[in-house]
Amino acid sequence: MFRRTFWFTAGAAAGVWATTKVNRKLKQLTPESLAARTADKAVEAGHRLKDFALDIKSGMAQREAELNDVLGIDGSEPRELPARRRLVALDTTSQQYTKQQHTKQQHTKHSYDRNEDH
């Protein structure tokens, strides 16, 4: 009689344990639970990305300070941009290049034109 009671109790305990385990798993697989877990993972990934960006930013500031020390640049005074340089493509005194000459050159045929034979 003691054996039957033991096995009955063991079976009931196993049934309760299995039922609770299955119910927990089913609750984890509901759409609301999946959405909540996904949102938590996205927030966690966002925090990690923010920490990474802050690490990059601090590393850039540290490297800039090192370069400024090596180059002897003091960060306290404002820096000005250099004056604009004016580049001259053609010497206007020696060669008179007008718009009419430019258009005339565009419309002349050259011997290397591939489409002249066709």
PDB file of N, CA and C in Angstrom:
ATOM      1  N   MET A   1       0.819  -1.187   0.000  1.00  0.00           N
ATOM      2  CA  MET A   1       0.000   0.000   0.000  1.00  0.00           C
ATOM      3  C   MET A   1       0.874   1.266   0.000  1.00  0.00           C
ATOM      4  N   PHE A   2       1.987   1.188   0.698  1.00  0.00           N
ATOM      5  CA  PHE A   2       2.903   2.318   0.755  1.00  0.00           C
ATOM      6  C   PHE A   2       3.499   2.605  -0.625  1.00  0.00           C
ATOM      7  N   ARG A   3       3.764   1.568  -1.402  1.00  0.00           N
ATOM      8  CA  ARG A   3       4.317   1.725  -2.739  1.00  0.00           C
ATOM      9  C   ARG A   3       3.338   2.467  -3.647  1.00  0.00           C
ATOM     10  N   ARG A   4       2.095   2.098  -3.597  1.00  0.00           N
ATOM     11  CA  ARG A   4       1.092   2.745  -4.426  1.00  0.00           C
ATOM     12  C   ARG A   4       0.968   4.221  -4.074  1.00  0.00           C
ATOM     13  N   THR A   5       0.982   4.545  -2.837  1.00  0.00           N
ATOM     14  CA  THR A   5       0.886   5.946  -2.393  1.00  0.00           C
ATOM     15  C   THR A   5       2.110   6.730  -2.869  1.00  0.00           C
ATOM     16  N   PHE A   6       3.289   6.137  -2.762  1.00  0.00           N
ATOM     17  CA  PHE A   6       4.515   6.791  -3.206  1.00  0.00           C
ATOM     18  C   PHE A   6       4.454   7.095  -4.697  1.00  0.00           C
ATOM     19  N   TRP A   7       4.093   6.097  -5.499  1.00  0.00           N
ATOM     20  CA  TRP A   7       4.071   6.299  -6.953  1.00  0.00           C
ATOM     21  C   TRP A   7       2.945   7.239  -7.368  1.00  0.00           C
ATOM     22  N   PHE A   8       1.840   7.206  -6.679  1.00  0.00           N
ATOM     23  CA  PHE A   8       0.761   8.144  -6.973  1.00  0.00           C
ATOM     24  C   PHE A   8       1.221   9.583  -6.710  1.00  0.00           C
ATOM     25  N   THR A   9       1.889   9.794  -5.591  1.00  0.00           N
ATOM     26  CA  THR A   9       2.387  11.122  -5.230  1.00  0.00           C
ATOM     27  C   THR A   9       3.480  11.568  -6.207  1.00  0.00           C
ATOM     28  N   ALA A  10       4.358  10.638  -6.570  1.00  0.00           N
ATOM     29  CA  ALA A  10       5.411  10.969  -7.526  1.00  0.00           C
ATOM     30  C   ALA A  10       4.812  11.328  -8.887  1.00  0.00           C
ATOM     31  N   GLY A  11       3.820  10.632  -9.343  1.00  0.00           N
ATOM     32  CA  GLY A  11       3.161  10.915 -10.620  1.00  0.00           C
ATOM     33  C   GLY A  11       2.430  12.249 -10.587  1.00  0.00           C
ATOM     34  N   ALA A  12       1.744  12.522  -9.465  1.00  0.00           N
ATOM     35  CA  ALA A  12       1.033  13.799  -9.343  1.00  0.00           C
ATOM     36  C   ALA A  12       2.028  14.961  -9.348  1.00  0.00           C
ATOM     37  N   ALA A  13       3.144  14.811  -8.634  1.00  0.00           N
ATOM     38  CA  ALA A  13       4.160  15.868  -8.590  1.00  0.00           C
ATOM     39  C   ALA A  13       4.765  16.083  -9.994  1.00  0.00           C
ATOM     40  N   ALA A  14       5.034  14.989 -10.706  1.00  0.00           N
ATOM     41  CA  ALA A  14       5.576  15.107 -12.052  1.00  0.00           C
ATOM     42  C   ALA A  14       4.563  15.781 -12.979  1.00  0.00           C
ATOM     43  N   GLY A  15       3.312  15.482 -12.827  1.00  0.00           N
ATOM     44  CA  GLY A  15       2.263  16.101 -13.646  1.00  0.00           C
ATOM     45  C   GLY A  15       2.155  17.599 -13.371  1.00  0.00           C
ATOM     46  N   VAL A  16       2.203  17.974 -12.104  1.00  0.00           N
ATOM     47  CA  VAL A  16       2.133  19.404 -11.750  1.00  0.00           C
ATOM     48  C   VAL A  16       3.363  20.130 -12.304  1.00  0.00           C
ATOM     49  N   TRP A  17       4.537  19.517 -12.141  1.00  0.00           N
ATOM     50  CA  TRP A  17       5.772  20.129 -12.631  1.00  0.00           C
ATOM     51  C   TRP A  17       5.728  20.311 -14.154  1.00  0.00           C
ATOM     52  N   ALA A  18       5.283  19.283 -14.867  1.00  0.00           N
ATOM     53  CA  ALA A  18       5.212  19.345 -16.330  1.00  0.00           C
ATOM     54  C   ALA A  18       4.178  20.376 -16.779  1.00  0.00           C
ATOM     55  N   THR A  19       3.055  20.435 -16.089  1.00  0.00           N
ATOM     56  CA  THR A  19       2.008  21.396 -16.453  1.00  0.00           C
ATOM     57  C   THR A  19       2.505  22.823 -16.278  1.00  0.00           C
ATOM     58  N   THR A  20       3.150  23.109 -15.157  1.00  0.00           N
ATOM     59  CA  THR A  20       3.664  24.467 -14.944  1.00  0.00           C
ATOM     60  C   THR A  20       4.757  24.811 -15.961  1.00  0.00           C
ATOM     61  N   LYS A  21       5.596  23.839 -16.270  1.00  0.00           N
ATOM     62  CA  LYS A  21       6.664  24.070 -17.255  1.00  0.00           C
ATOM     63  C   LYS A  21       6.068  24.395 -18.621  1.00  0.00           C
ATOM     64  N   VAL A  22       5.062  23.637 -19.054  1.00  0.00           N
ATOM     65  CA  VAL A  22       4.418  23.855 -20.345  1.00  0.00           C
ATOM     66  C   VAL A  22       3.698  25.200 -20.362  1.00  0.00           C
ATOM     67  N   ASN A  23       3.017  25.544 -19.272  1.00  0.00           N
ATOM     68  CA  ASN A  23       2.302  26.827 -19.214  1.00  0.00           C
ATOM     69  C   ASN A  23       3.269  28.012 -19.290  1.00  0.00           C
ATOM     70  N   ARG A  24       4.407  27.903 -18.617  1.00  0.00           N
ATOM     71  CA  ARG A  24       5.419  28.969 -18.689  1.00  0.00           C
ATOM     72  C   ARG A  24       5.930  29.127 -20.131  1.00  0.00           C
ATOM     73  N   LYS A  25       6.188  28.005 -20.768  1.00  0.00           N
ATOM     74  CA  LYS A  25       6.692  28.055 -22.137  1.00  0.00           C
ATOM     75  C   LYS A  25       5.647  28.639 -23.073  1.00  0.00           C
ATOM     76  N   LEU A  26       4.385  28.303 -22.888  1.00  0.00           N
ATOM     77  CA  LEU A  26       3.318  28.850 -23.725  1.00  0.00           C
ATOM     78  C   LEU A  26       3.169  30.354 -23.510  1.00  0.00           C
ATOM     79  N   LYS A  27       3.333  30.811 -22.272  1.00  0.00           N
ATOM     80  CA  LYS A  27       3.262  32.255 -22.005  1.00  0.00           C
ATOM     81  C   LYS A  27       4.428  32.983 -22.666  1.00  0.00           C
ATOM     82  N   GLN A  28       5.587  32.326 -22.737  1.00  0.00           N
ATOM     83  CA  GLN A  28       6.733  32.954 -23.377  1.00  0.00           C
ATOM     84  C   GLN A  28       6.551  33.063 -24.887  1.00  0.00           C
ATOM     85  N   LEU A  29       5.727  32.216 -25.455  1.00  0.00           N
ATOM     86  CA  LEU A  29       5.541  32.195 -26.895  1.00  0.00           C
ATOM     87  C   LEU A  29       4.330  32.977 -27.384  1.00  0.00           C
ATOM     88  N   THR A  30       3.653  33.692 -26.487  1.00  0.00           N
ATOM     89  CA  THR A  30       2.525  34.515 -26.922  1.00  0.00           C
ATOM     90  C   THR A  30       3.069  35.728 -27.679  1.00  0.00           C
ATOM     91  N   PRO A  31       2.296  36.283 -28.599  1.00  0.00           N
ATOM     92  CA  PRO A  31       2.772  37.445 -29.363  1.00  0.00           C
ATOM     93  C   PRO A  31       3.159  38.636 -28.475  1.00  0.00           C
ATOM     94  N   GLU A  32       2.406  38.867 -27.409  1.00  0.00           N
ATOM     95  CA  GLU A  32       2.723  39.987 -26.517  1.00  0.00           C
ATOM     96  C   GLU A  32       4.069  39.782 -25.845  1.00  0.00           C
ATOM     97  N   SER A  33       4.321  38.560 -25.396  1.00  0.00           N
ATOM     98  CA  SER A  33       5.588  38.261 -24.736  1.00  0.00           C
ATOM     99  C   SER A  33       6.752  38.358 -25.714  1.00  0.00           C
ATOM    100  N   LEU A  34       6.549  37.854 -26.938  1.00  0.00           N
ATOM    101  CA  LEU A  34       7.599  37.951 -27.947  1.00  0.00           C
ATOM    102  C   LEU A  34       7.885  39.409 -28.299  1.00  0.00           C
ATOM    103  N   ALA A  35       6.830  40.224 -28.398  1.00  0.00           N
ATOM    104  CA  ALA A  35       7.014  41.646 -28.714  1.00  0.00           C
ATOM    105  C   ALA A  35       7.759  42.353 -27.582  1.00  0.00           C
ATOM    106  N   ALA A  36       7.409  42.017 -26.345  1.00  0.00           N
ATOM    107  CA  ALA A  36       8.083  42.642 -25.199  1.00  0.00           C
ATOM    108  C   ALA A  36       9.562  42.251 -25.152  1.00  0.00           C
ATOM    109  N   ARG A  37       9.848  40.987 -25.400  1.00  0.00           N
ATOM    110  CA  ARG A  37      11.250  40.543 -25.401  1.00  0.00           C
ATOM    111  C   ARG A  37      12.039  41.198 -26.526  1.00  0.00           C
ATOM    112  N   THR A  38      11.403  41.309 -27.699  1.00  0.00           N
ATOM    113  CA  THR A  38      12.063  41.953 -28.827  1.00  0.00           C
ATOM    114  C   THR A  38      12.340  43.419 -28.528  1.00  0.00           C
ATOM    115  N   ALA A  39      11.367  44.096 -27.919  1.00  0.00           N
ATOM    116  CA  ALA A  39      11.565  45.499 -27.558  1.00  0.00           C
ATOM    117  C   ALA A  39      12.687  45.644 -26.536  1.00  0.00           C
ATOM    118  N   ASP A  40      12.737  44.749 -25.557  1.00  0.00           N
ATOM    119  CA  ASP A  40      13.813  44.794 -24.567  1.00  0.00           C
ATOM    120  C   ASP A  40      15.175  44.586 -25.220  1.00  0.00           C
ATOM    121  N   LYS A  41      15.248  43.638 -26.153  1.00  0.00           N
ATOM    122  CA  LYS A  41      16.511  43.395 -26.854  1.00  0.00           C
ATOM    123  C   LYS A  41      16.916  44.608 -27.693  1.00  0.00           C
ATOM    124  N   ALA A  42      15.925  45.263 -28.323  1.00  0.00           N
ATOM    125  CA  ALA A  42      16.224  46.450 -29.134  1.00  0.00           C
ATOM    126  C   ALA A  42      16.734  47.591 -28.265  1.00  0.00           C
ATOM    127  N   VAL A  43      16.120  47.776 -27.100  1.00  0.00           N
ATOM    128  CA  VAL A  43      16.584  48.817 -26.180  1.00  0.00           C
ATOM    129  C   VAL A  43      17.994  48.503 -25.699  1.00  0.00           C
ATOM    130  N   GLU A  44      18.244  47.247 -25.383  1.00  0.00           N
ATOM    131  CA  GLU A  44      19.573  46.830 -24.937  1.00  0.00           C
ATOM    132  C   GLU A  44      20.615  47.061 -26.031  1.00  0.00           C
ATOM    133  N   ALA A  45      20.263  46.733 -27.279  1.00  0.00           N
ATOM    134  CA  ALA A  45      21.179  46.961 -28.397  1.00  0.00           C
ATOM    135  C   ALA A  45      21.413  48.457 -28.598  1.00  0.00           C
ATOM    136  N   GLY A  46      20.374  49.266 -28.410  1.00  0.00           N
ATOM    137  CA  GLY A  46      20.516  50.717 -28.520  1.00  0.00           C
ATOM    138  C   GLY A  46      21.471  51.269 -27.470  1.00  0.00           C
ATOM    139  N   HIS A  47      21.367  50.752 -26.247  1.00  0.00           N
ATOM    140  CA  HIS A  47      22.284  51.183 -25.189  1.00  0.00           C
ATOM    141  C   HIS A  47      23.719  50.790 -25.523  1.00  0.00           C
ATOM    142  N   ARG A  48      23.893  49.581 -26.042  1.00  0.00           N
ATOM    143  CA  ARG A  48      25.248  49.150 -26.408  1.00  0.00           C
ATOM    144  C   ARG A  48      25.806  50.009 -27.540  1.00  0.00           C
ATOM    145  N   LEU A  49      24.958  50.358 -28.508  1.00  0.00           N
ATOM    146  CA  LEU A  49      25.391  51.199 -29.618  1.00  0.00           C
ATOM    147  C   LEU A  49      25.745  52.603 -29.126  1.00  0.00           C
ATOM    148  N   LYS A  50      24.954  53.128 -28.198  1.00  0.00           N
ATOM    149  CA  LYS A  50      25.242  54.445 -27.629  1.00  0.00           C
ATOM    150  C   LYS A  50      26.565  54.423 -26.876  1.00  0.00           C
ATOM    151  N   ASP A  51      26.804  53.366 -26.089  1.00  0.00           N
ATOM    152  CA  ASP A  51      28.074  53.241 -25.365  1.00  0.00           C
ATOM    153  C   ASP A  51      29.243  53.158 -26.341  1.00  0.00           C
ATOM    154  N   PHE A  52      29.062  52.428 -27.434  1.00  0.00           N
ATOM    155  CA  PHE A  52      30.104  52.316 -28.452  1.00  0.00           C
ATOM    156  C   PHE A  52      30.405  53.679 -29.072  1.00  0.00           C
ATOM    157  N   ALA A  53      29.351  54.437 -29.396  1.00  0.00           N
ATOM    158  CA  ALA A  53      29.537  55.764 -29.986  1.00  0.00           C
ATOM    159  C   ALA A  53      30.250  56.699 -29.013  1.00  0.00           C
ATOM    160  N   LEU A  54      29.906  56.615 -27.729  1.00  0.00           N
ATOM    161  CA  LEU A  54      30.576  57.455 -26.731  1.00  0.00           C
ATOM    162  C   LEU A  54      32.042  57.069 -26.583  1.00  0.00           C
ATOM    163  N   ASP A  55      32.340  55.775 -26.656  1.00  0.00           N
ATOM    164  CA  ASP A  55      33.732  55.333 -26.607  1.00  0.00           C
ATOM    165  C   ASP A  55      34.509  55.861 -27.807  1.00  0.00           C
ATOM    166  N   ILE A  56      33.902  55.810 -28.975  1.00  0.00           N
ATOM    167  CA  ILE A  56      34.541  56.321 -30.184  1.00  0.00           C
ATOM    168  C   ILE A  56      34.799  57.824 -30.055  1.00  0.00           C
ATOM    169  N   LYS A  57      33.799  58.537 -29.553  1.00  0.00           N
ATOM    170  CA  LYS A  57      33.924  59.984 -29.414  1.00  0.00           C
ATOM    171  C   LYS A  57      35.033  60.355 -28.430  1.00  0.00           C
ATOM    172  N   SER A  58      35.103  59.648 -27.308  1.00  0.00           N
ATOM    173  CA  SER A  58      36.149  59.950 -26.335  1.00  0.00           C
ATOM    174  C   SER A  58      37.522  59.584 -26.889  1.00  0.00           C
ATOM    175  N   GLY A  59      37.610  58.491 -27.650  1.00  0.00           N
ATOM    176  CA  GLY A  59      38.870  58.120 -28.280  1.00  0.00           C
ATOM    177  C   GLY A  59      39.315  59.150 -29.303  1.00  0.00           C
ATOM    178  N   MET A  60      38.348  59.696 -30.061  1.00  0.00           N
ATOM    179  CA  MET A  60      38.678  60.728 -31.037  1.00  0.00           C
ATOM    180  C   MET A  60      39.187  61.990 -30.344  1.00  0.00           C
ATOM    181  N   ALA A  61      38.535  62.375 -29.234  1.00  0.00           N
ATOM    182  CA  ALA A  61      38.971  63.566 -28.500  1.00  0.00           C
ATOM    183  C   ALA A  61      40.366  63.355 -27.919  1.00  0.00           C
ATOM    184  N   GLN A  62      40.625  62.167 -27.406  1.00  0.00           N
ATOM    185  CA  GLN A  62      41.939  61.875 -26.848  1.00  0.00           C
ATOM    186  C   GLN A  62      43.010  61.925 -27.942  1.00  0.00           C
ATOM    187  N   ARG A  63      42.713  61.346 -29.093  1.00  0.00           N
ATOM    188  CA  ARG A  63      43.683  61.347 -30.192  1.00  0.00           C
ATOM    189  C   ARG A  63      43.907  62.764 -30.720  1.00  0.00           C
ATOM    190  N   GLU A  64      42.845  63.563 -30.785  1.00  0.00           N
ATOM    191  CA  GLU A  64      42.989  64.946 -31.230  1.00  0.00           C
ATOM    192  C   GLU A  64      43.869  65.730 -30.262  1.00  0.00           C
ATOM    193  N   ALA A  65      43.686  65.496 -28.955  1.00  0.00           N
ATOM    194  CA  ALA A  65      44.527  66.168 -27.969  1.00  0.00           C
ATOM    195  C   ALA A  65      45.986  65.742 -28.127  1.00  0.00           C
ATOM    196  N   GLU A  66      46.225  64.461 -28.368  1.00  0.00           N
ATOM    197  CA  GLU A  66      47.594  63.986 -28.584  1.00  0.00           C
ATOM    198  C   GLU A  66      48.219  64.640 -29.805  1.00  0.00           C
ATOM    199  N   LEU A  67      47.456  64.716 -30.898  1.00  0.00           N
ATOM    200  CA  LEU A  67      47.975  65.338 -32.116  1.00  0.00           C
ATOM    201  C   LEU A  67      48.229  66.829 -31.909  1.00  0.00           C
ATOM    202  N   ASN A  68      47.339  67.508 -31.190  1.00  0.00           N
ATOM    203  CA  ASN A  68      47.543  68.923 -30.909  1.00  0.00           C
ATOM    204  C   ASN A  68      48.801  69.136 -30.078  1.00  0.00           C
ATOM    205  N   ASP A  69      49.066  68.243 -29.122  1.00  0.00           N
ATOM    206  CA  ASP A  69      50.289  68.345 -28.322  1.00  0.00           C
ATOM    207  C   ASP A  69      51.520  68.149 -29.189  1.00  0.00           C
ATOM    208  N   VAL A  70      51.474  67.150 -30.069  1.00  0.00           N
ATOM    209  CA  VAL A  70      52.626  66.873 -30.929  1.00  0.00           C
ATOM    210  C   VAL A  70      52.873  68.031 -31.892  1.00  0.00           C
ATOM    211  N   LEU A  71      51.786  68.602 -32.449  1.00  0.00           N
ATOM    212  CA  LEU A  71      51.928  69.679 -33.419  1.00  0.00           C
ATOM    213  C   LEU A  71      52.106  71.049 -32.767  1.00  0.00           C
ATOM    214  N   GLY A  72      51.924  71.118 -31.456  1.00  0.00           N
ATOM    215  CA  GLY A  72      52.087  72.379 -30.752  1.00  0.00           C
ATOM    216  C   GLY A  72      50.936  73.332 -30.953  1.00  0.00           C
ATOM    217  N   ILE A  73      49.772  72.816 -31.168  1.00  0.00           N
ATOM    218  CA  ILE A  73      48.594  73.654 -31.364  1.00  0.00           C
ATOM    219  C   ILE A  73      47.908  73.813 -30.015  1.00  0.00           C
ATOM    220  N   ASP A  74      47.691  75.081 -29.636  1.00  0.00           N
ATOM    221  CA  ASP A  74      47.006  75.352 -28.376  1.00  0.00           C
ATOM    222  C   ASP A  74      45.519  75.485 -28.667  1.00  0.00           C
ATOM    223  N   GLY A  75      44.689  74.766 -27.989  1.00  0.00           N
ATOM    224  CA  GLY A  75      43.253  74.754 -28.248  1.00  0.00           C
ATOM    225  C   GLY A  75      42.519  75.951 -27.691  1.00  0.00           C
ATOM    226  N   SER A  76      43.196  76.827 -26.927  1.00  0.00           N
ATOM    227  CA  SER A  76      42.492  77.940 -26.292  1.00  0.00           C
ATOM    228  C   SER A  76      42.217  79.083 -27.269  1.00  0.00           C
ATOM    229  N   GLU A  77      43.106  79.331 -28.222  1.00  0.00           N
ATOM    230  CA  GLU A  77      42.887  80.418 -29.161  1.00  0.00           C
ATOM    231  C   GLU A  77      42.067  79.926 -30.353  1.00  0.00           C
ATOM    232  N   PRO A  78      41.171  80.774 -30.854  1.00  0.00           N
ATOM    233  CA  PRO A  78      40.356  80.341 -32.001  1.00  0.00           C
ATOM    234  C   PRO A  78      41.203  80.243 -33.258  1.00  0.00           C
ATOM    235  N   ARG A  79      40.944  79.239 -34.023  1.00  0.00           N
ATOM    236  CA  ARG A  79      41.675  79.036 -35.263  1.00  0.00           C
ATOM    237  C   ARG A  79      40.911  79.659 -36.417  1.00  0.00           C
ATOM    238  N   GLU A  80      41.632  80.284 -37.326  1.00  0.00           N
ATOM    239  CA  GLU A  80      41.009  80.874 -38.503  1.00  0.00           C
ATOM    240  C   GLU A  80      41.358  80.033 -39.729  1.00  0.00           C
ATOM    241  N   LEU A  81      40.473  80.048 -40.658  1.00  0.00           N
ATOM    242  CA  LEU A  81      40.730  79.342 -41.906  1.00  0.00           C
ATOM    243  C   LEU A  81      41.723  80.136 -42.733  1.00  0.00           C
ATOM    244  N   PRO A  82      42.539  79.461 -43.516  1.00  0.00           N
ATOM    245  CA  PRO A  82      43.465  80.200 -44.374  1.00  0.00           C
ATOM    246  C   PRO A  82      42.703  80.968 -45.443  1.00  0.00           C
ATOM    247  N   ALA A  83      43.338  82.009 -45.969  1.00  0.00           N
ATOM    248  CA  ALA A  83      42.699  82.826 -46.999  1.00  0.00           C
ATOM    249  C   ALA A  83      42.493  81.984 -48.253  1.00  0.00           C
ATOM    250  N   ARG A  84      41.465  82.330 -48.997  1.00  0.00           N
ATOM    251  CA  ARG A  84      41.173  81.591 -50.228  1.00  0.00           C
ATOM    252  C   ARG A  84      42.236  81.883 -51.263  1.00  0.00           C
ATOM    253  N   ARG A  85      42.654  80.852 -51.920  1.00  0.00           N
ATOM    254  CA  ARG A  85      43.621  81.005 -52.998  1.00  0.00           C
ATOM    255  C   ARG A  85      42.876  81.112 -54.315  1.00  0.00           C
ATOM    256  N   ARG A  86      43.340  81.957 -55.148  1.00  0.00           N
ATOM    257  CA  ARG A  86      42.716  82.125 -56.449  1.00  0.00           C
ATOM    258  C   ARG A  86      43.598  81.454 -57.485  1.00  0.00           C
ATOM    259  N   LEU A  87      43.049  80.472 -58.147  1.00  0.00           N
ATOM    260  CA  LEU A  87      43.796  79.756 -59.169  1.00  0.00           C
ATOM    261  C   LEU A  87      43.438  80.306 -60.536  1.00  0.00           C
ATOM    262  N   VAL A  88      44.436  80.540 -61.318  1.00  0.00           N
ATOM    263  CA  VAL A  88      44.216  81.050 -62.666  1.00  0.00           C
ATOM    264  C   VAL A  88      44.494  79.914 -63.630  1.00  0.00           C
ATOM    265  N   ALA A  89      43.477  79.551 -64.394  1.00  0.00           N
ATOM    266  CA  ALA A  89      43.628  78.443 -65.331  1.00  0.00           C
ATOM    267  C   ALA A  89      44.352  78.885 -66.593  1.00  0.00           C
ATOM    268  N   LEU A  90      44.010  80.049 -67.107  1.00  0.00           N
ATOM    269  CA  LEU A  90      44.619  80.549 -68.341  1.00  0.00           C
ATOM    270  C   LEU A  90      45.188  81.935 -68.083  1.00  0.00           C
ATOM    271  N   ASP A  91      46.283  82.204 -68.711  1.00  0.00           N
ATOM    272  CA  ASP A  91      46.864  83.530 -68.630  1.00  0.00           C
ATOM    273  C   ASP A  91      46.105  84.413 -69.605  1.00  0.00           C
ATOM    274  N   THR A  92      45.344  85.358 -69.108  1.00  0.00           N
ATOM    275  CA  THR A  92      44.486  86.169 -69.978  1.00  0.00           C
ATOM    276  C   THR A  92      45.263  87.192 -70.768  1.00  0.00           C
ATOM    277  N   THR A  93      46.486  87.485 -70.375  1.00  0.00           N
ATOM    278  CA  THR A  93      47.255  88.493 -71.116  1.00  0.00           C
ATOM    279  C   THR A  93      47.860  87.915 -72.374  1.00  0.00           C
ATOM    280  N   SER A  94      48.276  86.668 -72.358  1.00  0.00           N
ATOM    281  CA  SER A  94      48.962  86.112 -73.518  1.00  0.00           C
ATOM    282  C   SER A  94      48.020  85.396 -74.466  1.00  0.00           C
ATOM    283  N   GLN A  95      46.902  84.947 -74.014  1.00  0.00           N
ATOM    284  CA  GLN A  95      45.995  84.182 -74.869  1.00  0.00           C
ATOM    285  C   GLN A  95      44.589  84.726 -74.692  1.00  0.00           C
ATOM    286  N   GLN A  96      44.004  85.154 -75.762  1.00  0.00           N
ATOM    287  CA  GLN A  96      42.637  85.639 -75.727  1.00  0.00           C
ATOM    288  C   GLN A  96      41.719  84.479 -76.084  1.00  0.00           C
ATOM    289  N   TYR A  97      41.013  83.964 -75.078  1.00  0.00           N
ATOM    290  CA  TYR A  97      40.152  82.804 -75.280  1.00  0.00           C
ATOM    291  C   TYR A  97      38.729  83.259 -75.050  1.00  0.00           C
ATOM    292  N   THR A  98      37.963  83.346 -76.097  1.00  0.00           N
ATOM    293  CA  THR A  98      36.604  83.851 -75.965  1.00  0.00           C
ATOM    294  C   THR A  98      35.612  82.710 -76.068  1.00  0.00           C
ATOM    295  N   LYS A  99      34.402  83.043 -75.761  1.00  0.00           N
ATOM    296  CA  LYS A  99      33.332  82.047 -75.830  1.00  0.00           C
ATOM    297  C   LYS A  99      33.081  81.619 -77.272  1.00  0.00           C
ATOM    298  N   GLN A 100      33.246  82.537 -78.208  1.00  0.00           N
ATOM    299  CA  GLN A 100      33.049  82.200 -79.617  1.00  0.00           C
ATOM    300  C   GLN A 100      34.079  81.180 -80.085  1.00  0.00           C
ATOM    301  N   GLN A 101      35.320  81.325 -79.667  1.00  0.00           N
ATOM    302  CA  GLN A 101      36.342  80.367 -80.042  1.00  0.00           C
ATOM    303  C   GLN A 101      36.047  78.999 -79.428  1.00  0.00           C
ATOM    304  N   HIS A 102      35.539  79.010 -78.212  1.00  0.00           N
ATOM    305  CA  HIS A 102      35.219  77.750 -77.541  1.00  0.00           C
ATOM    306  C   HIS A 102      34.120  77.000 -78.286  1.00  0.00           C
ATOM    307  N   THR A 103      33.068  77.695 -78.686  1.00  0.00           N
ATOM    308  CA  THR A 103      31.979  77.032 -79.400  1.00  0.00           C
ATOM    309  C   THR A 103      32.434  76.614 -80.791  1.00  0.00           C
ATOM    310  N   LYS A 104      33.314  77.391 -81.435  1.00  0.00           N
ATOM    311  CA  LYS A 104      33.825  77.039 -82.751  1.00  0.00           C
ATOM    312  C   LYS A 104      34.639  75.749 -82.678  1.00  0.00           C
ATOM    313  N   GLN A 105      35.412  75.580 -81.612  1.00  0.00           N
ATOM    314  CA  GLN A 105      36.210  74.378 -81.456  1.00  0.00           C
ATOM    315  C   GLN A 105      35.343  73.155 -81.201  1.00  0.00           C
ATOM    316  N   GLN A 106      34.232  73.342 -80.557  1.00  0.00           N
ATOM    317  CA  GLN A 106      33.354  72.206 -80.270  1.00  0.00           C
ATOM    318  C   GLN A 106      32.698  71.670 -81.537  1.00  0.00           C
ATOM    319  N   HIS A 107      32.445  72.521 -82.515  1.00  0.00           N
ATOM    320  CA  HIS A 107      31.708  72.102 -83.699  1.00  0.00           C
ATOM    321  C   HIS A 107      32.604  71.660 -84.850  1.00  0.00           C
ATOM    322  N   THR A 108      33.888  71.754 -84.714  1.00  0.00           N
ATOM    323  CA  THR A 108      34.779  71.316 -85.790  1.00  0.00           C
ATOM    324  C   THR A 108      34.985  69.818 -85.695  1.00  0.00           C
ATOM    325  N   LYS A 109      35.156  69.183 -86.875  1.00  0.00           N
ATOM    326  CA  LYS A 109      35.404  67.749 -86.894  1.00  0.00           C
ATOM    327  C   LYS A 109      36.888  67.489 -86.788  1.00  0.00           C
ATOM    328  N   HIS A 110      37.203  66.454 -86.074  1.00  0.00           N
ATOM    329  CA  HIS A 110      38.595  66.063 -85.928  1.00  0.00           C
ATOM    330  C   HIS A 110      38.772  64.700 -86.591  1.00  0.00           C
ATOM    331  N   SER A 111      39.990  64.408 -86.952  1.00  0.00           N
ATOM    332  CA  SER A 111      40.255  63.152 -87.631  1.00  0.00           C
ATOM    333  C   SER A 111      40.072  61.953 -86.702  1.00  0.00           C
ATOM    334  N   TYR A 112      40.074  62.178 -85.418  1.00  0.00           N
ATOM    335  CA  TYR A 112      39.928  61.066 -84.483  1.00  0.00           C
ATOM    336  C   TYR A 112      38.473  60.823 -84.087  1.00  0.00           C
ATOM    337  N   ASP A 113      37.546  61.492 -84.751  1.00  0.00           N
ATOM    338  CA  ASP A 113      36.132  61.312 -84.426  1.00  0.00           C
ATOM    339  C   ASP A 113      35.680  59.957 -84.960  1.00  0.00           C
ATOM    340  N   ARG A 114      35.211  59.098 -84.132  1.00  0.00           N
ATOM    341  CA  ARG A 114      34.812  57.741 -84.529  1.00  0.00           C
ATOM    342  C   ARG A 114      33.538  57.723 -85.343  1.00  0.00           C
ATOM    343  N   ASN A 115      32.694  58.702 -85.144  1.00  0.00           N
ATOM    344  CA  ASN A 115      31.392  58.676 -85.804  1.00  0.00           C
ATOM    345  C   ASN A 115      31.407  59.310 -87.191  1.00  0.00           C
ATOM    346  N   GLU A 116      32.523  59.831 -87.663  1.00  0.00           N
ATOM    347  CA  GLU A 116      32.512  60.483 -88.962  1.00  0.00           C
ATOM    348  C   GLU A 116      32.393  59.507 -90.125  1.00  0.00           C
ATOM    349  N   ASP A 117      32.771  58.247 -89.944  1.00  0.00           N
ATOM    350  CA  ASP A 117      32.668  57.289 -91.025  1.00  0.00           C
ATOM    351  C   ASP A 117      31.296  56.671 -91.145  1.00  0.00           C
ATOM    352  N   HIS A 118      30.467  56.816 -90.176  1.00  0.00           N
ATOM    353  CA  HIS A 118      29.188  56.121 -90.151  1.00  0.00           C
ATOM    354  C   HIS A 118      28.043  57.009 -90.498  1.00  0.00           C
TER     355      HIS A 118
END
